[in-house]
Amino acid sequence: MVITDLNAIGEGSPWPIPSEQERMDKYFKNGLLFEGKHGQVWPDLNPFGGSRPGIDSSRTFDVGDYIDRNYVEMTIGWFKVETTTFADLLCGEPFKVVANEQATADRIIKDNSLVLKTYDLSMDLIKNGTGIYKIRFDKKGIIEIINPRIWYPVVSPDNSKEIIAHVLAWSFKSGDEEFVRSEIHERGKITNKLFKVVGGKLQDIPLTTFERYSTIQPEVSTGINEFLIVPVQNILDGSGVFGTDDYSGMCDLVKELERRLIQNSRILTKHADPSVSGPASKIDIDPYSGEAVVIGGGQYYGYNSNEPAPAYMVWDAKLEASYLQIDKIIAQLYIVSELSPAALGDLKQGLAESGSALKRLMIRTLSKTNRLRLRLDPAIHEVLRITADLEVQGRTQGATALTNIQIKWEDGLPRDESEITKNECDKKMSGLTTVEMSLKKLNPDMSNSDIQDAVVVIQDESIKANGV
């Protein structure tokens, strides 16, 4: 469900917003999965948990806390690995921005650490399905990343893909009372409000209620006819407003993988200390407790001389089927997450012989990276353009509007210098390139003047070597 009326976050409206609760729950759950707190998301994953009164302390790992030895703490950090891997491929090699006003573009990117913030936003894009840029002006243009949990888009009743306002709203406590601060972003203006939550509903109160908000104007004109909120969405869900997260499709697989590993660990631990049988004469009576005891590990079962010979009491767990299932689950995880084993260094057939071979192994992963890049590219264009326009409007020294913005992305993979050099040599021998073009390809960070100097030196050395 989407919000189609600004009054849904205003005087008398319920808080939290009922229609947004499912989305907020998803963000909270995915945050726990990313942090590895899987037990809070799946409380049935490990039923043997916690301290239990009356448990036999001799069968625990921690006598002081009485933790059942059947309890196994095991978390598979697949969600974090998947998220950071795609963020690395997107922004691990910094993208470069080219514009007619290059000095302005470089300054905005450097002052705002835009590459690093885009890395953080890309993790939101994968984890939550939505990443949010926010632009504001404070003597210069400032770009921030906003938690999607405080973002509430208001859309046209006739077209859910047409956003008419972006509302940022977050709650906080003061004593025993709850308050909600909101920013309503419309084209050209921002409306600031403060509410008190009374009986589960919002009650409008003055901004001056809190000293930190006393200097904020209720309404601020931005001077440009643009939203200062720029959302970036993963593949859109049925609402057409919010992006789909990557975690939901992997939850069942990761949960089952952890369940199998926990169960295997529990079995192996239980039978790592087998019980033993032997002569009854080895059993002593503890003078303090009066209990029958045997000095040694595990459980001991006595027998008489006319009974079977001593033997360890063991069990063949036959875990091969479990390990096969684990392999199948991991294979499905690679498919669902579109994460190639090669991206994680899992090259069972040996190392890739060249950069192009590595790319072929990672074709599905690189395709997903390109899909995410298609979402990010226009958003970064818009953020840079709006930031520059705000600086022009605010008369920041040296401010200029940005035009003809182009973003040059890297693939995030290590360069195979040998392969690139061989390809350029082959093209030069075939007359398909020039020395200057090859140098640009081999040395992308060299300036044009340095390349021209290198061309002259290469030509001179060639003349001397050939005696011409």
Protein backbone atom coordinates (compact mmCIF):
# COMPACT_ATOMS: atom_id res chain seq x y z
CA MET A 1 0.00 0.00 0.00
CA VAL A 2 1.22 3.52 -0.80
CA ILE A 3 0.46 6.95 0.69
CA THR A 4 -1.58 9.20 -1.60
CA ASP A 5 -2.41 12.02 0.84
CA LEU A 6 -0.08 14.26 2.85
CA ASN A 7 -2.62 14.20 5.68
CA ALA A 8 -1.53 10.61 6.36
CA ILE A 9 1.44 12.13 8.21
CA GLY A 10 -0.22 15.09 9.86
CA GLU A 11 -2.47 16.28 12.68
CA GLY A 12 -4.61 13.44 14.01
CA SER A 13 -3.09 10.70 11.86
CA PRO A 14 -1.97 7.44 13.52
CA TRP A 15 1.68 6.79 14.37
CA PRO A 16 3.32 4.51 13.39
CA ILE A 17 1.64 4.64 9.97
CA PRO A 18 -0.29 1.35 9.62
CA SER A 19 0.15 1.03 5.85
CA GLU A 20 3.95 1.30 6.20
CA GLN A 21 4.40 -1.23 9.01
CA GLU A 22 5.15 -4.19 6.73
CA ARG A 23 7.90 -2.24 4.96
CA MET A 24 9.40 -1.10 8.27
CA ASP A 25 9.36 -4.67 9.58
CA LYS A 26 11.21 -5.83 6.47
CA TYR A 27 13.90 -3.17 6.91
CA PHE A 28 14.33 -4.12 10.58
CA LYS A 29 14.53 -7.84 9.82
CA ASN A 30 17.03 -7.34 6.98
CA GLY A 31 19.17 -5.21 9.26
CA LEU A 32 19.37 -8.08 11.75
CA LEU A 33 20.23 -10.53 8.96
CA PHE A 34 23.02 -8.24 7.72
CA GLU A 35 24.42 -7.96 11.25
CA GLY A 36 24.36 -11.74 11.70
CA LYS A 37 21.66 -11.72 14.42
CA HIS A 38 19.81 -14.57 12.79
CA GLY A 39 18.52 -16.04 16.04
CA GLN A 40 16.33 -12.95 16.53
CA VAL A 41 14.81 -13.38 13.07
CA TRP A 42 14.40 -17.18 13.27
CA PRO A 43 13.85 -18.10 16.94
CA ASP A 44 12.99 -21.68 15.91
CA LEU A 45 16.38 -22.16 14.22
CA ASN A 46 18.05 -23.51 17.34
CA PRO A 47 15.48 -24.86 19.82
CA PHE A 48 18.11 -25.82 22.41
CA GLY A 49 18.88 -22.33 23.62
CA GLY A 50 19.38 -20.36 26.76
CA SER A 51 19.88 -21.27 30.39
CA ARG A 52 17.47 -23.77 31.87
CA PRO A 53 17.15 -24.33 35.62
CA GLY A 54 17.74 -27.82 36.92
CA ILE A 55 19.92 -28.92 34.00
CA ASP A 56 22.73 -31.40 34.77
CA SER A 57 25.81 -29.17 34.93
CA SER A 58 28.11 -32.13 34.21
CA ARG A 59 26.70 -32.21 30.68
CA THR A 60 27.34 -28.59 29.82
CA PHE A 61 30.21 -26.66 28.27
CA ASP A 62 29.76 -23.75 30.66
CA VAL A 63 29.14 -24.99 34.20
CA GLY A 64 28.61 -21.48 35.52
CA ASP A 65 25.84 -20.53 33.09
CA TYR A 66 24.34 -24.01 32.68
CA ILE A 67 24.20 -23.81 28.88
CA ASP A 68 22.86 -26.98 27.26
CA ARG A 69 25.61 -28.68 25.29
CA ASN A 70 23.07 -29.28 22.51
CA TYR A 71 22.90 -25.53 21.87
CA VAL A 72 25.09 -24.54 18.90
CA GLU A 73 25.73 -20.91 17.97
CA MET A 74 26.40 -20.84 14.22
CA THR A 75 25.68 -17.97 11.84
CA ILE A 76 26.37 -17.99 8.11
CA GLY A 77 27.19 -14.42 7.05
CA TRP A 78 25.85 -14.89 3.52
CA PHE A 79 23.76 -11.71 3.58
CA LYS A 80 26.69 -9.47 4.51
CA VAL A 81 29.02 -11.17 2.01
CA GLU A 82 26.48 -10.85 -0.82
CA THR A 83 25.82 -7.18 0.00
CA THR A 84 29.45 -6.09 0.27
CA THR A 85 30.51 -8.10 -2.80
CA PHE A 86 28.11 -6.25 -5.09
CA ALA A 87 28.95 -2.92 -3.40
CA ASP A 88 32.64 -3.66 -4.06
CA LEU A 89 31.96 -4.40 -7.73
CA LEU A 90 29.99 -1.16 -8.05
CA CYS A 91 32.19 1.26 -6.12
CA GLY A 92 35.30 -0.64 -5.03
CA GLU A 93 37.04 1.02 -7.97
CA PRO A 94 35.90 4.65 -7.73
CA PHE A 95 33.77 5.87 -10.61
CA LYS A 96 34.88 9.01 -12.41
CA VAL A 97 32.70 11.97 -13.32
CA VAL A 98 33.35 14.05 -16.43
CA ALA A 99 31.55 17.35 -16.99
CA ASN A 100 32.05 20.59 -18.89
CA GLU A 101 32.64 22.26 -15.52
CA GLN A 102 35.16 19.67 -14.32
CA ALA A 103 36.56 21.68 -11.41
CA THR A 104 33.09 22.12 -9.89
CA ALA A 105 32.24 18.43 -10.32
CA ASP A 106 35.53 17.34 -8.73
CA ARG A 107 35.03 19.69 -5.77
CA ILE A 108 31.46 18.51 -5.07
CA ILE A 109 32.52 14.86 -5.25
CA LYS A 110 35.54 15.38 -2.99
CA ASP A 111 33.79 17.60 -0.42
CA ASN A 112 30.93 15.11 -0.06
CA SER A 113 32.95 11.87 -0.29
CA LEU A 114 30.40 10.92 -2.94
CA VAL A 115 32.04 7.63 -3.93
CA LEU A 116 32.05 6.36 -0.34
CA LYS A 117 28.47 7.51 0.23
CA THR A 118 27.38 5.82 -2.99
CA TYR A 119 29.04 2.62 -1.70
CA ASP A 120 26.91 2.88 1.46
CA LEU A 121 23.79 3.62 -0.60
CA SER A 122 24.42 0.61 -2.83
CA MET A 123 24.34 -1.60 0.29
CA ASP A 124 20.92 -0.12 1.17
CA LEU A 125 19.85 -0.82 -2.41
CA ILE A 126 20.71 -4.52 -2.05
CA LYS A 127 19.68 -4.95 1.59
CA ASN A 128 16.43 -2.96 1.60
CA GLY A 129 15.65 -2.45 -2.09
CA THR A 130 15.85 1.34 -1.67
CA GLY A 131 18.63 3.87 -1.19
CA ILE A 132 18.06 7.59 -0.54
CA TYR A 133 20.20 10.61 -1.41
CA LYS A 134 19.36 13.89 0.32
CA ILE A 135 20.74 17.26 -0.79
CA ARG A 136 20.79 20.37 1.38
CA PHE A 137 22.55 23.71 1.42
CA ASP A 138 24.76 25.07 4.20
CA LYS A 139 27.16 27.57 2.61
CA LYS A 140 27.75 24.85 0.02
CA GLY A 141 25.92 21.86 -1.37
CA ILE A 142 25.84 18.88 1.01
CA ILE A 143 24.95 15.33 -0.08
CA GLU A 144 23.78 12.84 2.55
CA ILE A 145 22.55 9.24 2.64
CA ILE A 146 19.20 8.77 4.42
CA ASN A 147 17.96 5.62 6.12
CA PRO A 148 14.96 4.40 4.06
CA ARG A 149 13.17 3.65 7.34
CA ILE A 150 12.40 7.37 7.72
CA TRP A 151 11.33 7.91 4.08
CA TYR A 152 7.62 8.05 3.21
CA PRO A 153 6.87 8.92 -0.43
CA VAL A 154 3.50 10.47 -1.23
CA VAL A 155 2.28 9.57 -4.71
CA SER A 156 -0.44 10.77 -7.04
CA PRO A 157 -3.78 8.98 -6.51
CA ASP A 158 -3.92 8.45 -10.28
CA ASN A 159 -0.34 7.25 -10.85
CA SER A 160 1.63 5.49 -8.13
CA LYS A 161 4.90 6.12 -9.98
CA GLU A 162 4.42 9.89 -9.79
CA ILE A 163 5.80 11.13 -6.47
CA ILE A 164 4.29 14.45 -5.37
CA ALA A 165 6.17 14.77 -2.07
CA HIS A 166 8.88 13.05 -0.02
CA VAL A 167 8.28 12.99 3.72
CA LEU A 168 11.13 12.28 6.13
CA ALA A 169 9.72 11.43 9.56
CA TRP A 170 11.42 9.98 12.60
CA SER A 171 10.39 9.51 16.22
CA PHE A 172 12.33 10.11 19.43
CA LYS A 173 11.68 9.98 23.15
CA SER A 174 11.94 12.77 25.68
CA GLY A 175 11.34 11.36 29.11
CA ASP A 176 8.30 9.13 28.86
CA GLU A 177 6.83 11.05 25.93
CA GLU A 178 7.25 10.28 22.22
CA PHE A 179 7.66 12.94 19.53
CA VAL A 180 7.89 12.89 15.74
CA ARG A 181 9.92 15.32 13.66
CA SER A 182 9.10 15.58 9.95
CA GLU A 183 10.37 17.27 6.80
CA ILE A 184 7.95 17.49 3.88
CA HIS A 185 9.92 17.89 0.66
CA GLU A 186 7.96 19.32 -2.26
CA ARG A 187 9.31 20.90 -5.42
CA GLY A 188 10.81 24.24 -4.43
CA LYS A 189 10.05 24.09 -0.69
CA ILE A 190 10.50 22.14 2.54
CA THR A 191 7.93 22.19 5.36
CA ASN A 192 9.25 21.42 8.84
CA LYS A 193 6.91 20.09 11.52
CA LEU A 194 7.01 18.66 15.03
CA PHE A 195 4.39 16.36 16.55
CA LYS A 196 3.68 14.82 19.92
CA VAL A 197 2.31 11.26 19.93
CA VAL A 198 -0.83 11.27 22.06
CA GLY A 199 -2.91 8.12 22.24
CA GLY A 200 -1.19 6.71 19.17
CA LYS A 201 -1.96 9.80 17.07
CA LEU A 202 0.04 12.85 15.97
CA GLN A 203 -0.62 16.18 17.65
CA ASP A 204 0.94 19.25 16.02
CA ILE A 205 3.16 21.27 18.38
CA PRO A 206 5.55 24.22 17.82
CA LEU A 207 9.11 23.57 16.65
CA THR A 208 10.26 25.80 19.51
CA THR A 209 9.22 23.06 21.96
CA PHE A 210 12.80 21.82 21.69
CA GLU A 211 15.73 24.22 21.66
CA ARG A 212 17.54 22.33 18.87
CA TYR A 213 14.62 23.04 16.53
CA SER A 214 13.99 26.63 17.63
CA THR A 215 15.95 28.20 14.75
CA ILE A 216 14.32 26.08 12.04
CA GLN A 217 11.77 27.87 9.90
CA PRO A 218 8.38 26.14 9.44
CA GLU A 219 8.69 26.61 5.69
CA VAL A 220 11.87 27.00 3.65
CA SER A 221 12.10 27.90 -0.05
CA THR A 222 14.87 25.99 -1.83
CA GLY A 223 15.01 28.35 -4.82
CA ILE A 224 14.98 25.54 -7.38
CA ASN A 225 11.97 23.66 -8.73
CA GLU A 226 13.36 20.23 -7.77
CA PHE A 227 12.99 17.66 -5.01
CA LEU A 228 16.02 17.57 -2.72
CA ILE A 229 15.36 13.87 -2.13
CA VAL A 230 16.58 11.44 -4.80
CA PRO A 231 15.53 7.81 -4.22
CA VAL A 232 17.26 4.90 -5.97
CA GLN A 233 15.27 1.69 -6.33
CA ASN A 234 16.22 -1.89 -7.01
CA ILE A 235 13.77 -3.83 -9.22
CA LEU A 236 10.37 -2.31 -8.39
CA ASP A 237 7.81 -4.32 -6.44
CA GLY A 238 4.09 -4.51 -7.18
CA SER A 239 3.44 -1.02 -5.79
CA GLY A 240 5.70 0.53 -8.42
CA VAL A 241 7.21 2.76 -5.72
CA PHE A 242 9.54 0.63 -3.61
CA GLY A 243 12.40 -1.59 -4.73
CA THR A 244 12.60 -5.29 -3.94
CA ASP A 245 15.35 -6.37 -1.57
CA ASP A 246 17.75 -9.22 -2.36
CA TYR A 247 17.40 -10.85 1.05
CA SER A 248 13.82 -12.15 0.91
CA GLY A 249 14.57 -14.71 -1.79
CA MET A 250 17.52 -16.10 0.15
CA CYS A 251 16.03 -16.35 3.64
CA ASP A 252 14.66 -19.90 3.42
CA LEU A 253 17.87 -21.23 1.90
CA VAL A 254 20.17 -19.59 4.45
CA LYS A 255 17.93 -20.71 7.30
CA GLU A 256 17.97 -24.32 6.07
CA LEU A 257 21.74 -24.18 5.54
CA GLU A 258 22.28 -23.00 9.10
CA ARG A 259 19.84 -25.61 10.41
CA ARG A 260 21.76 -28.42 8.66
CA LEU A 261 25.13 -27.17 9.90
CA ILE A 262 23.85 -26.73 13.46
CA GLN A 263 22.36 -30.21 13.45
CA ASN A 264 25.56 -31.73 12.09
CA SER A 265 27.60 -29.90 14.69
CA ARG A 266 25.28 -31.10 17.44
CA ILE A 267 25.59 -34.71 16.27
CA LEU A 268 29.38 -34.58 15.98
CA THR A 269 29.73 -32.93 19.38
CA LYS A 270 27.45 -35.46 21.04
CA HIS A 271 29.47 -38.40 19.71
CA ALA A 272 32.91 -36.87 20.10
CA ASP A 273 32.88 -38.08 23.71
CA PRO A 274 31.52 -41.66 23.50
CA SER A 275 30.39 -43.65 26.48
CA VAL A 276 32.29 -46.79 27.49
CA SER A 277 31.44 -50.07 29.14
CA GLY A 278 33.79 -52.18 31.28
CA PRO A 279 34.20 -54.20 34.49
CA ALA A 280 31.82 -53.23 37.26
CA SER A 281 34.80 -53.26 39.64
CA LYS A 282 35.93 -49.95 38.11
CA ILE A 283 32.89 -48.19 39.44
CA ASP A 284 33.52 -46.31 42.70
CA ILE A 285 31.16 -44.65 45.11
CA ASP A 286 31.66 -40.92 45.68
CA PRO A 287 31.98 -40.57 49.50
CA TYR A 288 30.40 -37.11 49.44
CA SER A 289 27.48 -37.60 47.07
CA GLY A 290 27.04 -41.36 47.38
CA GLU A 291 26.78 -41.60 43.58
CA ALA A 292 28.46 -44.27 41.43
CA VAL A 293 31.30 -42.65 39.46
CA VAL A 294 34.14 -43.63 37.13
CA ILE A 295 37.24 -41.47 36.72
CA GLY A 296 37.27 -40.70 32.99
CA GLY A 297 35.21 -38.97 30.27
CA GLY A 298 31.77 -39.82 28.95
CA GLN A 299 29.29 -42.26 30.49
CA TYR A 300 30.40 -45.62 31.90
CA TYR A 301 28.38 -48.82 31.99
CA GLY A 302 29.64 -51.68 34.17
CA TYR A 303 29.36 -55.39 33.33
CA ASN A 304 30.20 -58.71 34.94
CA SER A 305 32.80 -61.22 33.73
CA ASN A 306 30.23 -63.46 32.07
CA GLU A 307 28.91 -60.53 29.98
CA PRO A 308 30.15 -59.23 26.59
CA ALA A 309 33.63 -57.67 26.37
CA PRO A 310 34.11 -53.90 26.93
CA ALA A 311 33.34 -51.68 23.94
CA TYR A 312 32.78 -48.02 23.15
CA MET A 313 29.15 -47.17 22.61
CA VAL A 314 29.27 -45.32 19.29
CA TRP A 315 26.84 -44.45 16.52
CA ASP A 316 27.49 -44.13 12.79
CA ALA A 317 25.70 -40.86 12.01
CA LYS A 318 25.93 -41.35 8.20
CA LEU A 319 26.05 -37.61 7.49
CA GLU A 320 26.82 -37.98 3.78
CA ALA A 321 23.20 -37.19 2.82
CA SER A 322 23.29 -34.08 5.00
CA TYR A 323 26.51 -32.86 3.38
CA LEU A 324 25.01 -33.48 -0.07
CA GLN A 325 22.00 -31.39 0.88
CA ILE A 326 24.31 -28.61 2.12
CA ASP A 327 26.07 -28.58 -1.26
CA LYS A 328 22.70 -28.37 -3.04
CA ILE A 329 21.58 -25.48 -0.83
CA ILE A 330 24.79 -23.55 -1.47
CA ALA A 331 24.38 -24.11 -5.22
CA GLN A 332 20.86 -22.69 -5.05
CA LEU A 333 22.09 -19.73 -3.01
CA TYR A 334 24.56 -18.88 -5.76
CA ILE A 335 21.72 -19.01 -8.30
CA VAL A 336 19.19 -16.99 -6.29
CA SER A 337 21.69 -14.31 -5.22
CA GLU A 338 23.25 -14.21 -8.72
CA LEU A 339 26.60 -14.44 -6.98
CA SER A 340 29.20 -16.40 -8.89
CA PRO A 341 31.50 -18.67 -6.83
CA ALA A 342 34.39 -17.00 -8.67
CA ALA A 343 33.43 -13.68 -7.07
CA LEU A 344 34.22 -15.25 -3.69
CA GLY A 345 37.43 -16.89 -4.86
CA ASP A 346 35.80 -20.33 -5.12
CA LEU A 347 37.53 -21.64 -8.27
CA LYS A 348 37.32 -25.41 -7.92
CA GLN A 349 38.73 -25.93 -11.41
CA GLY A 350 41.81 -23.80 -10.71
CA LEU A 351 42.64 -20.15 -11.28
CA ALA A 352 41.19 -18.27 -14.24
CA GLU A 353 43.89 -18.02 -16.88
CA SER A 354 43.06 -14.45 -17.91
CA GLY A 355 40.90 -11.47 -17.08
CA SER A 356 38.45 -12.37 -19.83
CA ALA A 357 38.20 -15.93 -18.46
CA LEU A 358 37.38 -14.53 -15.00
CA LYS A 359 34.66 -12.34 -16.52
CA ARG A 360 33.13 -15.35 -18.25
CA LEU A 361 33.01 -17.17 -14.91
CA MET A 362 31.30 -14.14 -13.36
CA ILE A 363 28.91 -13.32 -16.19
CA ARG A 364 25.75 -13.56 -14.04
CA THR A 365 27.28 -11.54 -11.21
CA LEU A 366 28.49 -8.85 -13.61
CA SER A 367 25.04 -8.73 -15.24
CA LYS A 368 23.45 -8.02 -11.87
CA THR A 369 26.11 -5.39 -11.15
CA ASN A 370 25.26 -3.69 -14.45
CA ARG A 371 21.56 -3.78 -13.53
CA LEU A 372 22.29 -2.00 -10.26
CA ARG A 373 24.55 0.45 -12.09
CA LEU A 374 21.70 1.36 -14.44
CA ARG A 375 19.70 2.39 -11.35
CA LEU A 376 22.52 4.39 -9.79
CA ASP A 377 23.79 6.23 -12.87
CA PRO A 378 20.82 8.59 -13.48
CA ALA A 379 20.46 9.22 -9.75
CA ILE A 380 24.08 10.38 -9.43
CA HIS A 381 23.59 12.63 -12.47
CA GLU A 382 20.55 14.19 -10.77
CA VAL A 383 22.26 14.57 -7.39
CA LEU A 384 25.28 16.35 -8.89
CA ARG A 385 23.13 18.64 -11.01
CA ILE A 386 20.82 19.61 -8.11
CA THR A 387 23.77 20.16 -5.75
CA ALA A 388 25.43 22.50 -8.25
CA ASP A 389 22.14 24.38 -8.82
CA LEU A 390 21.70 24.86 -5.05
CA GLU A 391 25.19 26.35 -4.84
CA VAL A 392 24.42 28.72 -7.70
CA GLN A 393 21.17 29.72 -5.98
CA GLY A 394 23.02 30.22 -2.68
CA ARG A 395 25.78 32.22 -4.42
CA THR A 396 28.56 29.92 -3.24
CA GLN A 397 31.91 31.28 -4.36
CA GLY A 398 32.96 29.68 -7.65
CA ALA A 399 29.62 27.89 -8.07
CA THR A 400 28.55 26.94 -11.60
CA ALA A 401 25.80 24.74 -12.98
CA LEU A 402 26.94 21.34 -14.24
CA THR A 403 26.26 20.37 -17.84
CA ASN A 404 27.04 17.34 -19.98
CA ILE A 405 27.68 15.08 -16.98
CA GLN A 406 29.09 11.65 -17.77
CA ILE A 407 29.93 8.90 -15.29
CA LYS A 408 32.66 6.40 -16.12
CA TRP A 409 32.25 3.18 -14.15
CA GLU A 410 34.83 0.50 -13.52
CA ASP A 411 33.97 -3.21 -13.45
CA GLY A 412 35.46 -3.76 -9.99
CA LEU A 413 37.70 -6.60 -11.22
CA PRO A 414 41.52 -6.59 -11.11
CA ARG A 415 43.18 -5.49 -14.35
CA ASP A 416 44.93 -8.23 -16.29
CA GLU A 417 47.87 -6.16 -17.55
CA SER A 418 49.38 -9.04 -19.55
CA GLU A 419 46.14 -9.67 -21.44
CA ILE A 420 45.56 -5.96 -22.12
CA THR A 421 49.14 -5.49 -23.35
CA LYS A 422 48.90 -8.53 -25.65
CA ASN A 423 45.60 -7.28 -27.10
CA GLU A 424 47.04 -3.83 -27.79
CA CYS A 425 50.15 -5.32 -29.41
CA ASP A 426 47.98 -7.50 -31.66
CA LYS A 427 45.87 -4.51 -32.68
CA LYS A 428 48.97 -2.41 -33.39
CA MET A 429 50.49 -5.16 -35.54
CA SER A 430 47.21 -5.38 -37.45
CA GLY A 431 47.09 -1.61 -37.96
CA LEU A 432 43.89 -1.28 -35.94
CA THR A 433 45.19 1.21 -33.38
CA THR A 434 47.88 3.84 -32.82
CA VAL A 435 50.61 4.16 -30.21
CA GLU A 436 48.69 7.01 -28.60
CA MET A 437 45.43 5.03 -28.35
CA SER A 438 47.24 2.00 -26.93
CA LEU A 439 48.98 4.11 -24.30
CA LYS A 440 45.62 5.53 -23.21
CA LYS A 441 44.25 2.03 -22.84
CA LEU A 442 47.30 0.75 -20.97
CA ASN A 443 47.66 3.83 -18.75
CA PRO A 444 44.18 5.27 -18.13
CA ASP A 445 45.46 7.63 -15.41
CA MET A 446 48.08 9.32 -17.63
CA SER A 447 47.34 12.89 -18.71
CA ASN A 448 47.14 13.76 -22.40
CA SER A 449 50.37 15.74 -22.22
CA ASP A 450 52.23 12.81 -20.63
CA ILE A 451 50.90 10.48 -23.34
CA GLN A 452 52.08 12.85 -26.06
CA ASP A 453 55.54 12.97 -24.48
CA ALA A 454 55.61 9.17 -24.25
CA VAL A 455 54.68 8.84 -27.94
CA VAL A 456 57.61 11.06 -28.92
CA VAL A 457 60.04 9.04 -26.75
CA ILE A 458 58.76 5.72 -28.17
CA GLN A 459 59.16 6.98 -31.73
CA ASP A 460 62.69 8.23 -31.03
CA GLU A 461 63.68 4.90 -29.46
CA SER A 462 62.18 3.03 -32.39
CA ILE A 463 64.24 5.09 -34.86
CA LYS A 464 67.44 4.46 -32.91
CA ALA A 465 66.74 0.73 -32.57
CA ASN A 466 66.03 0.29 -36.28
CA GLY A 467 68.87 2.59 -37.40
CA VAL A 468 66.51 4.82 -39.38
